[in-house]
Amino acid sequence: MNFHLDLIQDKVEFFEASSLKELERKVNEQIEVNQKIMLGVHSVTHHIHVEDNGRKTWSAVVHFKVRKV
């Protein structure tokens, strides 16, 4: 029986929250998780969307790549 593991080279994750503080918390939690599988942050893009009623939605896209040792 052959058992083969492939390392994740890069991964993109999307986040959404109703406040910037909540968005930051979500992203930081996932950074810690991904560091355990040897992925570091390559880039971050974030946006805010304001609806007609004034409700704000914060979003972020984080690109993780394998960390070079």
C-alpha atoms as a PDB file:
ATOM      1  CA  MET A   1       0.000   0.000   0.000  1.00  0.00           C
ATOM      2  CA  ASN A   2       1.432   3.368  -1.033  1.00  0.00           C
ATOM      3  CA  PHE A   3       0.736   6.412   1.093  1.00  0.00           C
ATOM      4  CA  HIS A   4       1.598   9.777  -0.401  1.00  0.00           C
ATOM      5  CA  LEU A   5       1.222  13.228   1.158  1.00  0.00           C
ATOM      6  CA  ASP A   6       1.261  16.425  -0.874  1.00  0.00           C
ATOM      7  CA  LEU A   7       2.034  19.702   0.826  1.00  0.00           C
ATOM      8  CA  ILE A   8      -0.317  22.595   0.284  1.00  0.00           C
ATOM      9  CA  GLN A   9       1.706  25.186  -1.637  1.00  0.00           C
ATOM     10  CA  ASP A  10      -0.762  28.048  -1.468  1.00  0.00           C
ATOM     11  CA  LYS A  11      -4.327  28.727  -0.448  1.00  0.00           C
ATOM     12  CA  VAL A  12      -6.752  31.654  -0.658  1.00  0.00           C
ATOM     13  CA  GLU A  13      -9.320  32.288   2.072  1.00  0.00           C
ATOM     14  CA  PHE A  14     -12.215  34.739   2.224  1.00  0.00           C
ATOM     15  CA  PHE A  15     -13.537  36.453   5.347  1.00  0.00           C
ATOM     16  CA  GLU A  16     -16.548  38.651   6.103  1.00  0.00           C
ATOM     17  CA  ALA A  17     -17.643  40.484   9.253  1.00  0.00           C
ATOM     18  CA  SER A  18     -19.851  43.304  10.457  1.00  0.00           C
ATOM     19  CA  SER A  19     -16.948  45.205  12.064  1.00  0.00           C
ATOM     20  CA  LEU A  20     -13.277  45.720  11.358  1.00  0.00           C
ATOM     21  CA  LYS A  21     -12.347  44.359  14.796  1.00  0.00           C
ATOM     22  CA  GLU A  22     -14.297  41.130  14.166  1.00  0.00           C
ATOM     23  CA  LEU A  23     -12.718  40.762  10.720  1.00  0.00           C
ATOM     24  CA  GLU A  24      -9.240  41.205  12.189  1.00  0.00           C
ATOM     25  CA  ARG A  25      -9.983  38.556  14.842  1.00  0.00           C
ATOM     26  CA  LYS A  26     -11.150  36.050  12.211  1.00  0.00           C
ATOM     27  CA  VAL A  27      -8.107  36.629  10.010  1.00  0.00           C
ATOM     28  CA  ASN A  28      -5.673  36.375  12.935  1.00  0.00           C
ATOM     29  CA  GLU A  29      -7.228  33.098  14.092  1.00  0.00           C
ATOM     30  CA  GLN A  30      -6.812  31.607  10.627  1.00  0.00           C
ATOM     31  CA  ILE A  31      -3.229  32.873  10.357  1.00  0.00           C
ATOM     32  CA  GLU A  32      -2.410  30.872  13.503  1.00  0.00           C
ATOM     33  CA  VAL A  33      -4.069  27.751  12.060  1.00  0.00           C
ATOM     34  CA  ASN A  34      -2.225  28.059   8.752  1.00  0.00           C
ATOM     35  CA  GLN A  35       1.142  28.635  10.432  1.00  0.00           C
ATOM     36  CA  LYS A  36       0.800  25.145  11.890  1.00  0.00           C
ATOM     37  CA  ILE A  37       0.718  23.715   8.365  1.00  0.00           C
ATOM     38  CA  MET A  38       3.696  25.860   7.296  1.00  0.00           C
ATOM     39  CA  LEU A  39       1.720  28.532   5.412  1.00  0.00           C
ATOM     40  CA  GLY A  40       2.469  32.217   5.826  1.00  0.00           C
ATOM     41  CA  VAL A  41       0.607  35.307   4.632  1.00  0.00           C
ATOM     42  CA  HIS A  42       1.580  36.313   1.109  1.00  0.00           C
ATOM     43  CA  SER A  43      -0.943  39.119   0.588  1.00  0.00           C
ATOM     44  CA  VAL A  44      -4.113  40.628   2.049  1.00  0.00           C
ATOM     45  CA  THR A  45      -6.833  42.617   0.303  1.00  0.00           C
ATOM     46  CA  HIS A  46      -9.721  44.156   2.200  1.00  0.00           C
ATOM     47  CA  HIS A  47     -12.853  46.120   1.354  1.00  0.00           C
ATOM     48  CA  ILE A  48     -15.818  47.728   3.028  1.00  0.00           C
ATOM     49  CA  HIS A  49     -19.299  47.710   1.545  1.00  0.00           C
ATOM     50  CA  VAL A  50     -21.876  50.230   2.771  1.00  0.00           C
ATOM     51  CA  GLU A  51     -25.505  49.443   2.032  1.00  0.00           C
ATOM     52  CA  ASP A  52     -28.210  52.068   1.435  1.00  0.00           C
ATOM     53  CA  ASN A  53     -29.348  51.789   5.061  1.00  0.00           C
ATOM     54  CA  GLY A  54     -25.810  52.510   6.322  1.00  0.00           C
ATOM     55  CA  ARG A  55     -24.994  48.931   7.319  1.00  0.00           C
ATOM     56  CA  LYS A  56     -21.305  48.163   6.773  1.00  0.00           C
ATOM     57  CA  THR A  57     -19.818  44.822   5.796  1.00  0.00           C
ATOM     58  CA  TRP A  58     -16.073  44.297   5.953  1.00  0.00           C
ATOM     59  CA  SER A  59     -14.416  41.636   3.821  1.00  0.00           C
ATOM     60  CA  ALA A  60     -10.903  40.369   3.271  1.00  0.00           C
ATOM     61  CA  VAL A  61      -9.102  37.971   0.966  1.00  0.00           C
ATOM     62  CA  VAL A  62      -5.921  36.453   2.365  1.00  0.00           C
ATOM     63  CA  HIS A  63      -3.465  34.566   0.161  1.00  0.00           C
ATOM     64  CA  PHE A  64      -1.338  32.090   2.100  1.00  0.00           C
ATOM     65  CA  LYS A  65       1.804  30.530   0.625  1.00  0.00           C
ATOM     66  CA  VAL A  66       4.188  27.889   1.881  1.00  0.00           C
ATOM     67  CA  ARG A  67       6.886  29.360   4.114  1.00  0.00           C
ATOM     68  CA  LYS A  68      10.450  28.888   2.963  1.00  0.00           C
ATOM     69  CA  VAL A  69      12.567  27.337   5.696  1.00  0.00           C
END
